[in-house]
Amino acid sequence: MKEKIDYLNKELQGLPLAESIPLIIKNFDGKKVFSTSFGIEDQVLTHFIAPYAEFVNTFTLDTGRQFAETYEVFQRTQNKYPKLNIKTFFPDAADINTYVSEQGINGFYNSIESRKECCRIRKVVPLGKAIKGAELWITGLRAEQSENRSDMQFLEWDEANQLVKFNPLLHYTLKETEALIDTYNIPLNSLYKKGYLSIGCAPCTRALAEGEPFRAGRWWWEDGKKECGLHIHTDKNY
């Protein structure tokens, strides 16, 4: 697998999305999945994956704490790409009930450990169900988003999930991503133009102030590296 990944990473250099996505879909025979949170990156990828909907299982994780605007863009996306069947995965109700009874309805503010446990229940566990048996997982990660992601590759072996992760937008800048939204009239979450560049759960996301880094609006009350546990990059647990 390493040789295949190394070879394809070289082939992907400089390719536009319209070429890189079908190339990778063609080169992986097993189950292929695409996870969307309906953020700007995932919306761009949705547009380019839609023509290959029969070959890729598209899914989203509904944590139960989403913005209303996220559901709204979900519907507009389904309307624009009717052949794309977006399956929704939910957290286990018993796990949520236990968490709320022990930590409180907004227990994620109590400590980093409490927040990570909420993310685990609402995101990580459902993700495991969504990608089970997959050989390839397509994501909207960009190197520009944070230092944690700056040394990633287009294709990487995800040891934790035992599959290959494909990051087609890796070297795209935010301006280039926005240009694709405009060029193809792709649905965009209305919160984006209000300063919500990275949109997660409503209680854990705020708008960015001018000059703040891309991820500053997520879990803003915490310091240091801020990830929810969905993306574990090679041998690094972010």
C-alpha atoms as a PDB file:
ATOM      1  CA  MET A   1       0.000   0.000   0.000  1.00  0.00           C
ATOM      2  CA  LYS A   2       2.859   2.406   0.772  1.00  0.00           C
ATOM      3  CA  GLU A   3       4.214   2.088  -2.768  1.00  0.00           C
ATOM      4  CA  LYS A   4       0.756   2.760  -4.204  1.00  0.00           C
ATOM      5  CA  ILE A   5       0.283   5.825  -1.989  1.00  0.00           C
ATOM      6  CA  ASP A   6       3.723   7.206  -2.876  1.00  0.00           C
ATOM      7  CA  TYR A   7       3.100   6.705  -6.586  1.00  0.00           C
ATOM      8  CA  LEU A   8      -0.335   8.347  -6.539  1.00  0.00           C
ATOM      9  CA  ASN A   9       0.891  11.267  -4.434  1.00  0.00           C
ATOM     10  CA  LYS A  10       3.334  12.069  -7.228  1.00  0.00           C
ATOM     11  CA  GLU A  11       0.599  11.736  -9.865  1.00  0.00           C
ATOM     12  CA  LEU A  12      -1.655  14.118  -7.913  1.00  0.00           C
ATOM     13  CA  GLN A  13       0.813  17.004  -7.910  1.00  0.00           C
ATOM     14  CA  GLY A  14      -0.708  19.952  -9.738  1.00  0.00           C
ATOM     15  CA  LEU A  15      -3.916  18.190 -10.802  1.00  0.00           C
ATOM     16  CA  PRO A  16      -7.192  20.150 -10.546  1.00  0.00           C
ATOM     17  CA  LEU A  17     -10.086  18.601  -8.631  1.00  0.00           C
ATOM     18  CA  ALA A  18     -11.863  17.619 -11.847  1.00  0.00           C
ATOM     19  CA  GLU A  19      -8.944  15.277 -12.573  1.00  0.00           C
ATOM     20  CA  SER A  20      -7.643  14.264  -9.146  1.00  0.00           C
ATOM     21  CA  ILE A  21     -10.946  12.979  -7.772  1.00  0.00           C
ATOM     22  CA  PRO A  22     -11.783  10.568 -10.651  1.00  0.00           C
ATOM     23  CA  LEU A  23      -8.133   9.425 -10.708  1.00  0.00           C
ATOM     24  CA  ILE A  24      -8.276   8.309  -7.086  1.00  0.00           C
ATOM     25  CA  ILE A  25     -11.770   6.844  -7.343  1.00  0.00           C
ATOM     26  CA  LYS A  26     -10.559   4.740 -10.270  1.00  0.00           C
ATOM     27  CA  ASN A  27      -7.472   3.507  -8.404  1.00  0.00           C
ATOM     28  CA  PHE A  28      -9.266   2.194  -5.303  1.00  0.00           C
ATOM     29  CA  ASP A  29     -11.579  -0.774  -5.741  1.00  0.00           C
ATOM     30  CA  GLY A  30     -13.057  -1.086  -2.272  1.00  0.00           C
ATOM     31  CA  LYS A  31     -15.653   0.949  -0.421  1.00  0.00           C
ATOM     32  CA  LYS A  32     -15.058   4.694  -0.788  1.00  0.00           C
ATOM     33  CA  VAL A  33     -16.616   7.265   1.552  1.00  0.00           C
ATOM     34  CA  PHE A  34     -16.834  11.051   1.640  1.00  0.00           C
ATOM     35  CA  SER A  35     -17.632  12.870   4.876  1.00  0.00           C
ATOM     36  CA  THR A  36     -19.289  16.287   4.679  1.00  0.00           C
ATOM     37  CA  SER A  37     -20.032  18.795   7.422  1.00  0.00           C
ATOM     38  CA  PHE A  38     -21.367  21.241   4.788  1.00  0.00           C
ATOM     39  CA  GLY A  39     -18.489  23.667   5.370  1.00  0.00           C
ATOM     40  CA  ILE A  40     -16.966  25.501   2.423  1.00  0.00           C
ATOM     41  CA  GLU A  41     -14.354  22.828   1.667  1.00  0.00           C
ATOM     42  CA  ASP A  42     -16.833  19.966   1.799  1.00  0.00           C
ATOM     43  CA  GLN A  43     -19.273  21.881  -0.395  1.00  0.00           C
ATOM     44  CA  VAL A  44     -16.600  22.275  -3.081  1.00  0.00           C
ATOM     45  CA  LEU A  45     -15.777  18.576  -2.904  1.00  0.00           C
ATOM     46  CA  THR A  46     -19.477  17.678  -3.047  1.00  0.00           C
ATOM     47  CA  HIS A  47     -19.707  19.461  -6.395  1.00  0.00           C
ATOM     48  CA  PHE A  48     -16.833  17.467  -7.878  1.00  0.00           C
ATOM     49  CA  ILE A  49     -17.805  14.144  -6.286  1.00  0.00           C
ATOM     50  CA  ALA A  50     -21.467  14.345  -7.334  1.00  0.00           C
ATOM     51  CA  PRO A  51     -20.798  13.044 -10.892  1.00  0.00           C
ATOM     52  CA  TYR A  52     -19.332   9.897  -9.301  1.00  0.00           C
ATOM     53  CA  ALA A  53     -22.068   9.464  -6.688  1.00  0.00           C
ATOM     54  CA  GLU A  54     -22.569   5.796  -7.573  1.00  0.00           C
ATOM     55  CA  PHE A  55     -18.973   5.037  -6.601  1.00  0.00           C
ATOM     56  CA  VAL A  56     -18.738   7.024  -3.350  1.00  0.00           C
ATOM     57  CA  ASN A  57     -20.816   6.744  -0.167  1.00  0.00           C
ATOM     58  CA  THR A  58     -21.442  10.310   1.039  1.00  0.00           C
ATOM     59  CA  PHE A  59     -22.356  10.833   4.673  1.00  0.00           C
ATOM     60  CA  THR A  60     -22.665  13.484   7.375  1.00  0.00           C
ATOM     61  CA  LEU A  61     -22.560  13.328  11.165  1.00  0.00           C
ATOM     62  CA  ASP A  62     -25.523  14.959  12.889  1.00  0.00           C
ATOM     63  CA  THR A  63     -24.354  15.664  16.431  1.00  0.00           C
ATOM     64  CA  GLY A  64     -27.736  16.999  17.554  1.00  0.00           C
ATOM     65  CA  ARG A  65     -26.194  20.413  18.296  1.00  0.00           C
ATOM     66  CA  GLN A  66     -25.938  21.819  14.757  1.00  0.00           C
ATOM     67  CA  PHE A  67     -26.758  25.349  13.625  1.00  0.00           C
ATOM     68  CA  ALA A  68     -30.112  25.798  11.872  1.00  0.00           C
ATOM     69  CA  GLU A  69     -28.139  27.256   8.967  1.00  0.00           C
ATOM     70  CA  THR A  70     -26.279  23.953   8.574  1.00  0.00           C
ATOM     71  CA  TYR A  71     -29.525  22.055   8.077  1.00  0.00           C
ATOM     72  CA  GLU A  72     -30.623  24.712   5.613  1.00  0.00           C
ATOM     73  CA  VAL A  73     -27.526  24.297   3.427  1.00  0.00           C
ATOM     74  CA  PHE A  74     -27.897  20.505   3.766  1.00  0.00           C
ATOM     75  CA  GLN A  75     -31.299  20.791   2.087  1.00  0.00           C
ATOM     76  CA  ARG A  76     -30.055  23.152  -0.631  1.00  0.00           C
ATOM     77  CA  THR A  77     -27.190  20.764  -1.354  1.00  0.00           C
ATOM     78  CA  GLN A  78     -29.560  17.819  -1.752  1.00  0.00           C
ATOM     79  CA  ASN A  79     -31.707  19.906  -4.087  1.00  0.00           C
ATOM     80  CA  LYS A  80     -28.745  20.875  -6.284  1.00  0.00           C
ATOM     81  CA  TYR A  81     -27.235  17.379  -6.421  1.00  0.00           C
ATOM     82  CA  PRO A  82     -30.246  15.016  -6.371  1.00  0.00           C
ATOM     83  CA  LYS A  83     -28.212  11.937  -7.360  1.00  0.00           C
ATOM     84  CA  LEU A  84     -26.025  12.329  -4.286  1.00  0.00           C
ATOM     85  CA  ASN A  85     -27.546  10.300  -1.460  1.00  0.00           C
ATOM     86  CA  ILE A  86     -26.217  11.864   1.749  1.00  0.00           C
ATOM     87  CA  LYS A  87     -26.644   9.418   4.626  1.00  0.00           C
ATOM     88  CA  THR A  88     -26.860  10.822   8.146  1.00  0.00           C
ATOM     89  CA  PHE A  89     -25.229   9.138  11.149  1.00  0.00           C
ATOM     90  CA  PHE A  90     -26.395  10.057  14.656  1.00  0.00           C
ATOM     91  CA  PRO A  91     -24.870   9.543  18.109  1.00  0.00           C
ATOM     92  CA  ASP A  92     -26.272   6.789  20.307  1.00  0.00           C
ATOM     93  CA  ALA A  93     -29.126   8.163  22.416  1.00  0.00           C
ATOM     94  CA  ALA A  94     -28.083   6.166  25.486  1.00  0.00           C
ATOM     95  CA  ASP A  95     -24.559   7.619  25.321  1.00  0.00           C
ATOM     96  CA  ILE A  96     -25.966  11.149  25.076  1.00  0.00           C
ATOM     97  CA  ASN A  97     -28.304  10.557  28.021  1.00  0.00           C
ATOM     98  CA  THR A  98     -25.450   9.259  30.170  1.00  0.00           C
ATOM     99  CA  TYR A  99     -23.217  12.188  29.246  1.00  0.00           C
ATOM    100  CA  VAL A 100     -25.874  14.794  29.977  1.00  0.00           C
ATOM    101  CA  SER A 101     -26.824  13.205  33.299  1.00  0.00           C
ATOM    102  CA  GLU A 102     -23.188  13.124  34.422  1.00  0.00           C
ATOM    103  CA  GLN A 103     -21.765  16.297  32.837  1.00  0.00           C
ATOM    104  CA  GLY A 104     -24.784  18.511  32.217  1.00  0.00           C
ATOM    105  CA  ILE A 105     -26.352  19.586  28.934  1.00  0.00           C
ATOM    106  CA  ASN A 106     -23.353  21.852  28.195  1.00  0.00           C
ATOM    107  CA  GLY A 107     -20.770  19.770  30.023  1.00  0.00           C
ATOM    108  CA  PHE A 108     -18.223  20.331  27.264  1.00  0.00           C
ATOM    109  CA  TYR A 109     -17.436  23.727  28.826  1.00  0.00           C
ATOM    110  CA  ASN A 110     -16.343  22.062  32.093  1.00  0.00           C
ATOM    111  CA  SER A 111     -12.926  20.839  30.923  1.00  0.00           C
ATOM    112  CA  ILE A 112     -10.983  19.745  27.866  1.00  0.00           C
ATOM    113  CA  GLU A 113     -11.593  16.135  28.891  1.00  0.00           C
ATOM    114  CA  SER A 114     -15.348  16.714  29.066  1.00  0.00           C
ATOM    115  CA  ARG A 115     -15.337  18.424  25.669  1.00  0.00           C
ATOM    116  CA  LYS A 116     -13.358  15.610  24.072  1.00  0.00           C
ATOM    117  CA  GLU A 117     -15.758  13.062  25.538  1.00  0.00           C
ATOM    118  CA  CYS A 118     -18.671  14.953  23.994  1.00  0.00           C
ATOM    119  CA  CYS A 119     -16.873  14.964  20.633  1.00  0.00           C
ATOM    120  CA  ARG A 120     -16.166  11.262  20.999  1.00  0.00           C
ATOM    121  CA  ILE A 121     -19.824  10.434  21.591  1.00  0.00           C
ATOM    122  CA  ARG A 122     -21.298  12.794  19.031  1.00  0.00           C
ATOM    123  CA  LYS A 123     -18.659  12.510  16.283  1.00  0.00           C
ATOM    124  CA  VAL A 124     -15.983   9.850  16.677  1.00  0.00           C
ATOM    125  CA  VAL A 125     -18.248   6.898  17.472  1.00  0.00           C
ATOM    126  CA  PRO A 126     -20.717   7.675  14.636  1.00  0.00           C
ATOM    127  CA  LEU A 127     -17.767   8.198  12.295  1.00  0.00           C
ATOM    128  CA  GLY A 128     -16.544   4.700  13.063  1.00  0.00           C
ATOM    129  CA  LYS A 129     -19.889   3.339  11.911  1.00  0.00           C
ATOM    130  CA  ALA A 130     -19.866   5.480   8.770  1.00  0.00           C
ATOM    131  CA  ILE A 131     -16.397   4.437   7.576  1.00  0.00           C
ATOM    132  CA  LYS A 132     -16.563   0.802   8.667  1.00  0.00           C
ATOM    133  CA  GLY A 133     -15.229  -1.425   5.898  1.00  0.00           C
ATOM    134  CA  ALA A 134     -14.037   1.510   3.778  1.00  0.00           C
ATOM    135  CA  GLU A 135     -10.765   1.454   1.858  1.00  0.00           C
ATOM    136  CA  LEU A 136     -10.732   5.180   1.065  1.00  0.00           C
ATOM    137  CA  TRP A 137     -11.986   8.206   3.000  1.00  0.00           C
ATOM    138  CA  ILE A 138     -12.232  11.552   1.135  1.00  0.00           C
ATOM    139  CA  THR A 139     -11.949  14.641   3.353  1.00  0.00           C
ATOM    140  CA  GLY A 140     -11.937  18.427   2.987  1.00  0.00           C
ATOM    141  CA  LEU A 141      -8.767  19.032   4.989  1.00  0.00           C
ATOM    142  CA  ARG A 142      -6.503  21.852   3.809  1.00  0.00           C
ATOM    143  CA  ALA A 143      -2.917  22.443   4.917  1.00  0.00           C
ATOM    144  CA  GLU A 144      -3.653  26.150   5.393  1.00  0.00           C
ATOM    145  CA  GLN A 145      -6.296  25.452   8.045  1.00  0.00           C
ATOM    146  CA  SER A 146      -3.875  24.900  10.934  1.00  0.00           C
ATOM    147  CA  GLU A 147      -0.295  23.993  11.842  1.00  0.00           C
ATOM    148  CA  ASN A 148      -1.545  20.516  12.684  1.00  0.00           C
ATOM    149  CA  ARG A 149      -2.326  19.943   9.008  1.00  0.00           C
ATOM    150  CA  SER A 150       0.599  21.704   7.326  1.00  0.00           C
ATOM    151  CA  ASP A 151       2.731  18.609   6.669  1.00  0.00           C
ATOM    152  CA  MET A 152       0.016  16.303   5.381  1.00  0.00           C
ATOM    153  CA  GLN A 153       0.004  14.493   2.019  1.00  0.00           C
ATOM    154  CA  PHE A 154      -2.768  14.119  -0.565  1.00  0.00           C
ATOM    155  CA  LEU A 155      -2.969  10.435   0.324  1.00  0.00           C
ATOM    156  CA  GLU A 156      -2.066   9.149   3.780  1.00  0.00           C
ATOM    157  CA  TRP A 157      -2.440   5.878   5.592  1.00  0.00           C
ATOM    158  CA  ASP A 158      -4.782   6.353   8.557  1.00  0.00           C
ATOM    159  CA  GLU A 159      -3.518   3.817  11.073  1.00  0.00           C
ATOM    160  CA  ALA A 160      -6.295   4.415  13.581  1.00  0.00           C
ATOM    161  CA  ASN A 161      -9.043   3.703  11.052  1.00  0.00           C
ATOM    162  CA  GLN A 162      -7.087   1.274   8.853  1.00  0.00           C
ATOM    163  CA  LEU A 163      -7.800   3.014   5.560  1.00  0.00           C
ATOM    164  CA  VAL A 164      -6.355   5.547   3.141  1.00  0.00           C
ATOM    165  CA  LYS A 165      -7.329   9.167   3.633  1.00  0.00           C
ATOM    166  CA  PHE A 166      -7.551  11.377   0.532  1.00  0.00           C
ATOM    167  CA  ASN A 167      -7.274  15.168   0.940  1.00  0.00           C
ATOM    168  CA  PRO A 168      -7.959  16.633  -2.553  1.00  0.00           C
ATOM    169  CA  LEU A 169      -8.003  20.262  -1.346  1.00  0.00           C
ATOM    170  CA  LEU A 170      -4.730  19.943   0.544  1.00  0.00           C
ATOM    171  CA  HIS A 171      -2.862  22.753  -1.240  1.00  0.00           C
ATOM    172  CA  TYR A 172      -5.836  24.968  -2.067  1.00  0.00           C
ATOM    173  CA  THR A 173      -5.913  28.351  -0.372  1.00  0.00           C
ATOM    174  CA  LEU A 174      -9.071  29.770   1.134  1.00  0.00           C
ATOM    175  CA  LYS A 175      -9.327  32.291  -1.702  1.00  0.00           C
ATOM    176  CA  GLU A 176      -9.051  29.520  -4.289  1.00  0.00           C
ATOM    177  CA  THR A 177     -11.738  27.545  -2.469  1.00  0.00           C
ATOM    178  CA  GLU A 178     -14.029  30.568  -2.365  1.00  0.00           C
ATOM    179  CA  ALA A 179     -13.451  31.134  -6.091  1.00  0.00           C
ATOM    180  CA  LEU A 180     -14.712  27.613  -6.848  1.00  0.00           C
ATOM    181  CA  ILE A 181     -17.874  28.318  -4.835  1.00  0.00           C
ATOM    182  CA  ASP A 182     -18.535  31.396  -6.960  1.00  0.00           C
ATOM    183  CA  THR A 183     -17.581  29.796 -10.288  1.00  0.00           C
ATOM    184  CA  TYR A 184     -19.919  26.826  -9.919  1.00  0.00           C
ATOM    185  CA  ASN A 185     -22.635  28.494  -7.821  1.00  0.00           C
ATOM    186  CA  ILE A 186     -22.184  25.919  -5.061  1.00  0.00           C
ATOM    187  CA  PRO A 187     -24.500  26.236  -2.007  1.00  0.00           C
ATOM    188  CA  LEU A 188     -22.718  27.838   0.947  1.00  0.00           C
ATOM    189  CA  ASN A 189     -23.681  27.994   4.613  1.00  0.00           C
ATOM    190  CA  SER A 190     -25.016  31.508   5.225  1.00  0.00           C
ATOM    191  CA  LEU A 191     -22.954  31.709   8.435  1.00  0.00           C
ATOM    192  CA  TYR A 192     -19.764  31.687   6.384  1.00  0.00           C
ATOM    193  CA  LYS A 193     -20.062  35.312   5.280  1.00  0.00           C
ATOM    194  CA  LYS A 194     -20.784  36.283   8.882  1.00  0.00           C
ATOM    195  CA  GLY A 195     -17.287  35.203   9.919  1.00  0.00           C
ATOM    196  CA  TYR A 196     -17.882  31.506  10.653  1.00  0.00           C
ATOM    197  CA  LEU A 197     -15.097  30.084   8.505  1.00  0.00           C
ATOM    198  CA  SER A 198     -14.987  26.737  10.334  1.00  0.00           C
ATOM    199  CA  ILE A 199     -18.459  25.607  11.375  1.00  0.00           C
ATOM    200  CA  GLY A 200     -19.058  22.861  13.918  1.00  0.00           C
ATOM    201  CA  CYS A 201     -21.633  22.470  16.681  1.00  0.00           C
ATOM    202  CA  ALA A 202     -23.474  25.668  17.600  1.00  0.00           C
ATOM    203  CA  PRO A 203     -22.344  25.856  21.256  1.00  0.00           C
ATOM    204  CA  CYS A 204     -18.713  25.278  20.253  1.00  0.00           C
ATOM    205  CA  THR A 205     -18.371  27.655  17.301  1.00  0.00           C
ATOM    206  CA  ARG A 206     -18.155  31.439  17.141  1.00  0.00           C
ATOM    207  CA  ALA A 207     -17.418  33.950  14.404  1.00  0.00           C
ATOM    208  CA  LEU A 208     -13.805  34.981  13.863  1.00  0.00           C
ATOM    209  CA  ALA A 209     -12.514  38.415  14.689  1.00  0.00           C
ATOM    210  CA  GLU A 210     -10.422  40.115  12.018  1.00  0.00           C
ATOM    211  CA  GLY A 211      -6.942  38.589  11.778  1.00  0.00           C
ATOM    212  CA  GLU A 212      -7.736  35.477  13.816  1.00  0.00           C
ATOM    213  CA  PRO A 213      -6.537  32.108  12.464  1.00  0.00           C
ATOM    214  CA  PHE A 214      -8.940  29.807  10.641  1.00  0.00           C
ATOM    215  CA  ARG A 215      -9.680  27.476  13.569  1.00  0.00           C
ATOM    216  CA  ALA A 216      -9.839  30.116  16.324  1.00  0.00           C
ATOM    217  CA  GLY A 217     -13.623  30.044  16.354  1.00  0.00           C
ATOM    218  CA  ARG A 218     -13.771  26.366  17.315  1.00  0.00           C
ATOM    219  CA  TRP A 219     -13.674  25.562  21.067  1.00  0.00           C
ATOM    220  CA  TRP A 220     -12.529  29.170  21.567  1.00  0.00           C
ATOM    221  CA  TRP A 221     -12.305  28.762  25.352  1.00  0.00           C
ATOM    222  CA  GLU A 222      -9.449  26.240  24.998  1.00  0.00           C
ATOM    223  CA  ASP A 223      -5.752  26.873  24.363  1.00  0.00           C
ATOM    224  CA  GLY A 224      -3.346  24.874  22.186  1.00  0.00           C
ATOM    225  CA  LYS A 225      -4.110  22.391  19.408  1.00  0.00           C
ATOM    226  CA  LYS A 226      -7.844  22.043  18.881  1.00  0.00           C
ATOM    227  CA  GLU A 227      -9.258  19.003  17.092  1.00  0.00           C
ATOM    228  CA  CYS A 228     -12.234  16.785  17.816  1.00  0.00           C
ATOM    229  CA  GLY A 229     -10.561  13.443  17.181  1.00  0.00           C
ATOM    230  CA  LEU A 230     -12.000  12.733  13.734  1.00  0.00           C
ATOM    231  CA  HIS A 231      -8.704  13.250  11.932  1.00  0.00           C
ATOM    232  CA  ILE A 232      -5.699  11.417  13.300  1.00  0.00           C
ATOM    233  CA  HIS A 233      -2.814  12.166  10.968  1.00  0.00           C
ATOM    234  CA  THR A 234      -0.324   9.310  10.424  1.00  0.00           C
ATOM    235  CA  ASP A 235       1.540   8.770  13.720  1.00  0.00           C
ATOM    236  CA  LYS A 236       0.301  12.039  15.258  1.00  0.00           C
ATOM    237  CA  ASN A 237      -2.753  12.204  17.460  1.00  0.00           C
ATOM    238  CA  TYR A 238      -4.071  15.726  17.132  1.00  0.00           C
END
